[in-house]
Amino acid sequence: MKRNVRLYNILFPMWMFWLWPTPVWLIILPANFVIDSLVLLAAMKWKRIADWKNAWRKSIVKVWLLGFLSD
């Protein structure tokens, strides 16, 4: 039996930005950045990337922004 697993935005759905005022954004955006960083670092460790610091610096902003665009 094959399971379908779907992962959505763990922290905050994008459509909620329209319902809540701006101060909530100041909490949610950095928290989402931290979660994306942890996932990216775990993937780099799993793939055994030697220069992970440089690779993280080059890709985290793209990953973070594309995460919001995909939501």
Protein backbone atom coordinates (compact mmCIF):
# COMPACT_ATOMS: atom_id res chain seq x y z
CA MET A 1 0.00 0.00 0.00
CA LYS A 2 1.54 3.28 -1.12
CA ARG A 3 1.02 6.36 1.03
CA ASN A 4 0.70 9.82 -0.42
CA VAL A 5 2.58 12.24 1.78
CA ARG A 6 2.06 15.96 1.30
CA LEU A 7 4.03 18.58 3.15
CA TYR A 8 2.60 22.06 3.27
CA ASN A 9 3.99 25.20 4.82
CA ILE A 10 4.60 24.00 8.36
CA LEU A 11 4.55 27.34 10.08
CA PHE A 12 2.06 29.58 8.35
CA PRO A 13 -0.07 29.42 5.21
CA MET A 14 0.51 32.38 2.87
CA TRP A 15 -3.15 33.32 2.63
CA MET A 16 -3.14 34.19 6.34
CA PHE A 17 -0.98 37.24 5.58
CA TRP A 18 -4.10 38.93 4.26
CA LEU A 19 -6.01 38.33 7.47
CA TRP A 20 -3.48 39.31 10.13
CA PRO A 21 -1.70 42.63 10.59
CA THR A 22 1.92 43.37 9.77
CA PRO A 23 3.51 42.61 13.20
CA VAL A 24 2.70 38.93 12.73
CA TRP A 25 4.81 38.95 9.57
CA LEU A 26 7.81 40.08 11.60
CA ILE A 27 7.59 36.86 13.60
CA ILE A 28 6.62 34.46 10.83
CA LEU A 29 9.21 35.45 8.21
CA PRO A 30 12.30 34.88 10.39
CA ALA A 31 10.82 31.68 11.82
CA ASN A 32 10.26 30.35 8.30
CA PHE A 33 13.85 31.33 7.44
CA VAL A 34 15.11 29.26 10.39
CA ILE A 35 13.05 26.23 9.38
CA ASP A 36 14.26 26.48 5.77
CA SER A 37 17.85 26.79 7.01
CA LEU A 38 17.54 23.68 9.15
CA VAL A 39 16.09 21.66 6.28
CA LEU A 40 18.78 22.90 3.88
CA LEU A 41 21.56 22.11 6.34
CA ALA A 42 20.15 18.63 6.98
CA ALA A 43 20.04 17.98 3.23
CA MET A 44 23.64 19.15 2.88
CA LYS A 45 24.72 16.87 5.69
CA TRP A 46 22.85 13.95 4.13
CA LYS A 47 24.50 14.64 0.75
CA ARG A 48 27.89 15.04 2.51
CA ILE A 49 28.67 18.46 1.05
CA ALA A 50 32.13 19.45 2.31
CA ASP A 51 31.87 23.26 1.96
CA TRP A 52 28.41 23.51 3.50
CA LYS A 53 28.86 27.03 4.90
CA ASN A 54 29.57 28.54 1.51
CA ALA A 55 26.84 26.50 -0.18
CA TRP A 56 24.33 27.58 2.50
CA ARG A 57 25.22 31.25 2.06
CA LYS A 58 24.76 31.03 -1.70
CA SER A 59 21.43 29.21 -1.63
CA ILE A 60 19.41 30.04 1.51
CA VAL A 61 17.84 33.27 0.22
CA LYS A 62 16.78 31.56 -3.01
CA VAL A 63 15.33 28.61 -1.09
CA TRP A 64 13.50 30.91 1.32
CA LEU A 65 11.99 33.11 -1.40
CA LEU A 66 11.07 30.19 -3.66
CA GLY A 67 9.36 28.58 -0.68
CA PHE A 68 7.07 31.58 -0.36
CA LEU A 69 6.45 31.74 -4.09
CA SER A 70 5.52 28.08 -4.21
CA ASP A 71 3.01 28.50 -1.38
